[in-house]
């Protein structure tokens, strides 16, 4: 029995979470959901996922802050982290400077909205690279 990769999805948009969960589960990935950065960090520590999909714009703790904390934690820093950004779609109606993202060691950036094919291709690529 092949081990199913476990993916932590951290996003506060319930519709996006539901759609993304369905796409990932269609490929037999196990999906864990958190709705903000603090909950995401807690679940990352509890669940030790194979990959993290992390939204940038969230309440409580934004994705950049959460990603920074993930990368500082020796137990979590090896987990590929893919940032989900709505910057392109939202224009620049955010107080978070885009430049913050490039200072981070996130493995990839995915623009929302993302097609199911693109999402799965990126997830698979990073899971393979990580050897999961």
C-alpha atoms as a PDB file:
ATOM      1  CA  UNK A   1       0.000   0.000   0.000  1.00  0.00           C
ATOM      2  CA  UNK A   2       1.551   3.259  -1.151  1.00  0.00           C
ATOM      3  CA  UNK A   3       1.783   6.007   1.469  1.00  0.00           C
ATOM      4  CA  UNK A   4      -0.528   8.910   0.726  1.00  0.00           C
ATOM      5  CA  UNK A   5       1.149  12.294   0.831  1.00  0.00           C
ATOM      6  CA  UNK A   6      -0.285  14.555   3.505  1.00  0.00           C
ATOM      7  CA  UNK A   7      -0.913  18.162   2.484  1.00  0.00           C
ATOM      8  CA  UNK A   8      -1.643  20.996   4.891  1.00  0.00           C
ATOM      9  CA  UNK A   9      -3.822  23.669   3.283  1.00  0.00           C
ATOM     10  CA  UNK A  10      -3.813  26.985   5.170  1.00  0.00           C
ATOM     11  CA  UNK A  11      -6.351  29.459   3.789  1.00  0.00           C
ATOM     12  CA  UNK A  12      -9.214  31.525   5.207  1.00  0.00           C
ATOM     13  CA  UNK A  13     -11.366  31.371   2.038  1.00  0.00           C
ATOM     14  CA  UNK A  14     -13.831  28.530   2.675  1.00  0.00           C
ATOM     15  CA  UNK A  15     -14.842  28.188  -1.004  1.00  0.00           C
ATOM     16  CA  UNK A  16     -11.222  27.985  -2.160  1.00  0.00           C
ATOM     17  CA  UNK A  17     -10.427  25.472   0.581  1.00  0.00           C
ATOM     18  CA  UNK A  18     -13.345  23.233  -0.394  1.00  0.00           C
ATOM     19  CA  UNK A  19     -12.534  23.333  -4.120  1.00  0.00           C
ATOM     20  CA  UNK A  20      -8.811  22.747  -3.495  1.00  0.00           C
ATOM     21  CA  UNK A  21      -9.474  19.911  -1.064  1.00  0.00           C
ATOM     22  CA  UNK A  22     -11.623  18.146  -3.690  1.00  0.00           C
ATOM     23  CA  UNK A  23      -8.917  18.533  -6.338  1.00  0.00           C
ATOM     24  CA  UNK A  24      -6.191  17.182  -4.029  1.00  0.00           C
ATOM     25  CA  UNK A  25      -8.317  14.347  -2.659  1.00  0.00           C
ATOM     26  CA  UNK A  26      -9.162  13.298  -6.229  1.00  0.00           C
ATOM     27  CA  UNK A  27      -5.454  12.385  -6.475  1.00  0.00           C
ATOM     28  CA  UNK A  28      -5.566  10.475  -3.188  1.00  0.00           C
ATOM     29  CA  UNK A  29      -3.720  13.109  -1.191  1.00  0.00           C
ATOM     30  CA  UNK A  30      -4.675  13.405   2.461  1.00  0.00           C
ATOM     31  CA  UNK A  31      -5.700  17.011   3.150  1.00  0.00           C
ATOM     32  CA  UNK A  32      -5.558  18.799   6.502  1.00  0.00           C
ATOM     33  CA  UNK A  33      -7.054  22.285   6.679  1.00  0.00           C
ATOM     34  CA  UNK A  34      -6.251  25.329   8.805  1.00  0.00           C
ATOM     35  CA  UNK A  35      -7.895  28.732   8.407  1.00  0.00           C
ATOM     36  CA  UNK A  36      -5.147  31.055   9.663  1.00  0.00           C
ATOM     37  CA  UNK A  37      -1.392  31.195  10.178  1.00  0.00           C
ATOM     38  CA  UNK A  38      -1.432  30.299  13.888  1.00  0.00           C
ATOM     39  CA  UNK A  39      -3.638  27.268  13.337  1.00  0.00           C
ATOM     40  CA  UNK A  40      -1.491  26.338  10.332  1.00  0.00           C
ATOM     41  CA  UNK A  41       1.688  26.329  12.427  1.00  0.00           C
ATOM     42  CA  UNK A  42       0.017  24.278  15.144  1.00  0.00           C
ATOM     43  CA  UNK A  43      -1.281  21.715  12.652  1.00  0.00           C
ATOM     44  CA  UNK A  44       2.081  21.565  10.877  1.00  0.00           C
ATOM     45  CA  UNK A  45       3.696  20.593  14.195  1.00  0.00           C
ATOM     46  CA  UNK A  46       0.955  18.055  15.047  1.00  0.00           C
ATOM     47  CA  UNK A  47       0.564  16.453  11.637  1.00  0.00           C
ATOM     48  CA  UNK A  48       4.039  16.775  10.078  1.00  0.00           C
ATOM     49  CA  UNK A  49       2.679  17.152   6.519  1.00  0.00           C
ATOM     50  CA  UNK A  50       4.636  16.302   3.355  1.00  0.00           C
ATOM     51  CA  UNK A  51       3.787  19.684   1.796  1.00  0.00           C
ATOM     52  CA  UNK A  52       2.164  22.945   2.884  1.00  0.00           C
ATOM     53  CA  UNK A  53      -0.050  25.184   0.734  1.00  0.00           C
ATOM     54  CA  UNK A  54      -0.099  28.550   2.481  1.00  0.00           C
ATOM     55  CA  UNK A  55      -2.252  31.528   1.564  1.00  0.00           C
ATOM     56  CA  UNK A  56      -0.526  34.903   1.884  1.00  0.00           C
ATOM     57  CA  UNK A  57      -3.459  37.133   2.826  1.00  0.00           C
ATOM     58  CA  UNK A  58      -5.139  35.873   6.010  1.00  0.00           C
ATOM     59  CA  UNK A  59      -6.319  37.309   9.307  1.00  0.00           C
ATOM     60  CA  UNK A  60      -4.484  36.726  12.610  1.00  0.00           C
ATOM     61  CA  UNK A  61      -1.161  35.814  11.012  1.00  0.00           C
ATOM     62  CA  UNK A  62      -0.485  36.356   7.313  1.00  0.00           C
ATOM     63  CA  UNK A  63       1.167  33.691   5.202  1.00  0.00           C
ATOM     64  CA  UNK A  64       4.557  35.396   5.011  1.00  0.00           C
ATOM     65  CA  UNK A  65       4.787  35.536   8.802  1.00  0.00           C
ATOM     66  CA  UNK A  66       3.664  31.903   9.122  1.00  0.00           C
ATOM     67  CA  UNK A  67       6.147  30.800   6.428  1.00  0.00           C
ATOM     68  CA  UNK A  68       8.975  32.619   8.194  1.00  0.00           C
ATOM     69  CA  UNK A  69       8.155  30.755  11.406  1.00  0.00           C
ATOM     70  CA  UNK A  70       7.918  27.422   9.555  1.00  0.00           C
ATOM     71  CA  UNK A  71      11.362  27.942   8.037  1.00  0.00           C
ATOM     72  CA  UNK A  72      12.868  28.805  11.436  1.00  0.00           C
ATOM     73  CA  UNK A  73      11.546  25.602  13.022  1.00  0.00           C
ATOM     74  CA  UNK A  74      14.092  22.788  12.487  1.00  0.00           C
ATOM     75  CA  UNK A  75      11.307  20.164  12.488  1.00  0.00           C
ATOM     76  CA  UNK A  76       9.274  21.985   9.839  1.00  0.00           C
ATOM     77  CA  UNK A  77      11.863  23.811   7.725  1.00  0.00           C
ATOM     78  CA  UNK A  78      12.346  20.854   5.332  1.00  0.00           C
ATOM     79  CA  UNK A  79       8.646  20.712   4.382  1.00  0.00           C
ATOM     80  CA  UNK A  80       8.100  22.254   0.925  1.00  0.00           C
ATOM     81  CA  UNK A  81       5.961  25.367   1.367  1.00  0.00           C
ATOM     82  CA  UNK A  82       4.012  26.713  -1.602  1.00  0.00           C
ATOM     83  CA  UNK A  83       2.632  30.219  -1.168  1.00  0.00           C
ATOM     84  CA  UNK A  84      -0.816  30.903  -2.607  1.00  0.00           C
ATOM     85  CA  UNK A  85      -1.113  34.512  -3.681  1.00  0.00           C
ATOM     86  CA  UNK A  86      -4.063  36.489  -4.899  1.00  0.00           C
ATOM     87  CA  UNK A  87      -1.843  39.509  -5.607  1.00  0.00           C
ATOM     88  CA  UNK A  88      -2.289  39.315  -9.363  1.00  0.00           C
ATOM     89  CA  UNK A  89      -6.054  39.010  -9.130  1.00  0.00           C
ATOM     90  CA  UNK A  90      -6.544  41.523  -6.320  1.00  0.00           C
ATOM     91  CA  UNK A  91      -4.211  44.160  -7.733  1.00  0.00           C
ATOM     92  CA  UNK A  92      -2.304  45.766  -4.886  1.00  0.00           C
ATOM     93  CA  UNK A  93      -5.119  46.192  -2.357  1.00  0.00           C
ATOM     94  CA  UNK A  94      -3.041  44.742   0.454  1.00  0.00           C
ATOM     95  CA  UNK A  95      -0.769  46.174   3.081  1.00  0.00           C
ATOM     96  CA  UNK A  96       1.703  43.322   2.634  1.00  0.00           C
ATOM     97  CA  UNK A  97       4.595  44.243   0.328  1.00  0.00           C
ATOM     98  CA  UNK A  98       5.161  41.680  -2.427  1.00  0.00           C
ATOM     99  CA  UNK A  99       8.895  42.013  -1.815  1.00  0.00           C
ATOM    100  CA  UNK A 100       8.452  40.202   1.514  1.00  0.00           C
ATOM    101  CA  UNK A 101       7.679  37.055  -0.397  1.00  0.00           C
ATOM    102  CA  UNK A 102      10.957  37.031  -2.247  1.00  0.00           C
ATOM    103  CA  UNK A 103      12.963  37.281   0.973  1.00  0.00           C
ATOM    104  CA  UNK A 104      11.390  34.019   2.100  1.00  0.00           C
ATOM    105  CA  UNK A 105      12.598  30.552   1.366  1.00  0.00           C
ATOM    106  CA  UNK A 106       9.218  29.381   0.089  1.00  0.00           C
ATOM    107  CA  UNK A 107       9.646  26.736  -2.592  1.00  0.00           C
ATOM    108  CA  UNK A 108       7.066  28.163  -4.970  1.00  0.00           C
ATOM    109  CA  UNK A 109       4.391  30.778  -5.544  1.00  0.00           C
ATOM    110  CA  UNK A 110       1.030  29.893  -7.020  1.00  0.00           C
ATOM    111  CA  UNK A 111      -1.243  32.668  -8.256  1.00  0.00           C
ATOM    112  CA  UNK A 112      -4.910  32.362  -7.410  1.00  0.00           C
ATOM    113  CA  UNK A 113      -7.112  31.486  -9.109  1.00  0.00           C
ATOM    114  CA  UNK A 114      -5.212  28.336 -10.074  1.00  0.00           C
ATOM    115  CA  UNK A 115      -6.456  25.588 -12.380  1.00  0.00           C
ATOM    116  CA  UNK A 116      -6.710  22.092 -10.881  1.00  0.00           C
ATOM    117  CA  UNK A 117      -4.130  20.848 -13.420  1.00  0.00           C
ATOM    118  CA  UNK A 118      -1.624  23.549 -12.500  1.00  0.00           C
ATOM    119  CA  UNK A 119      -2.139  23.002  -8.768  1.00  0.00           C
ATOM    120  CA  UNK A 120      -1.630  19.240  -9.045  1.00  0.00           C
ATOM    121  CA  UNK A 121       1.426  19.655 -11.286  1.00  0.00           C
ATOM    122  CA  UNK A 122       3.102  22.005  -8.789  1.00  0.00           C
ATOM    123  CA  UNK A 123       2.226  19.844  -5.779  1.00  0.00           C
ATOM    124  CA  UNK A 124       3.541  16.708  -7.498  1.00  0.00           C
ATOM    125  CA  UNK A 125       6.752  18.443  -8.592  1.00  0.00           C
ATOM    126  CA  UNK A 126       7.586  19.547  -5.039  1.00  0.00           C
ATOM    127  CA  UNK A 127       6.627  16.233  -3.442  1.00  0.00           C
ATOM    128  CA  UNK A 128       8.951  14.434  -5.894  1.00  0.00           C
ATOM    129  CA  UNK A 129      11.766  16.889  -5.179  1.00  0.00           C
ATOM    130  CA  UNK A 130      11.299  16.350  -1.435  1.00  0.00           C
ATOM    131  CA  UNK A 131      11.317  12.596  -1.977  1.00  0.00           C
ATOM    132  CA  UNK A 132       7.817  11.999  -0.573  1.00  0.00           C
END
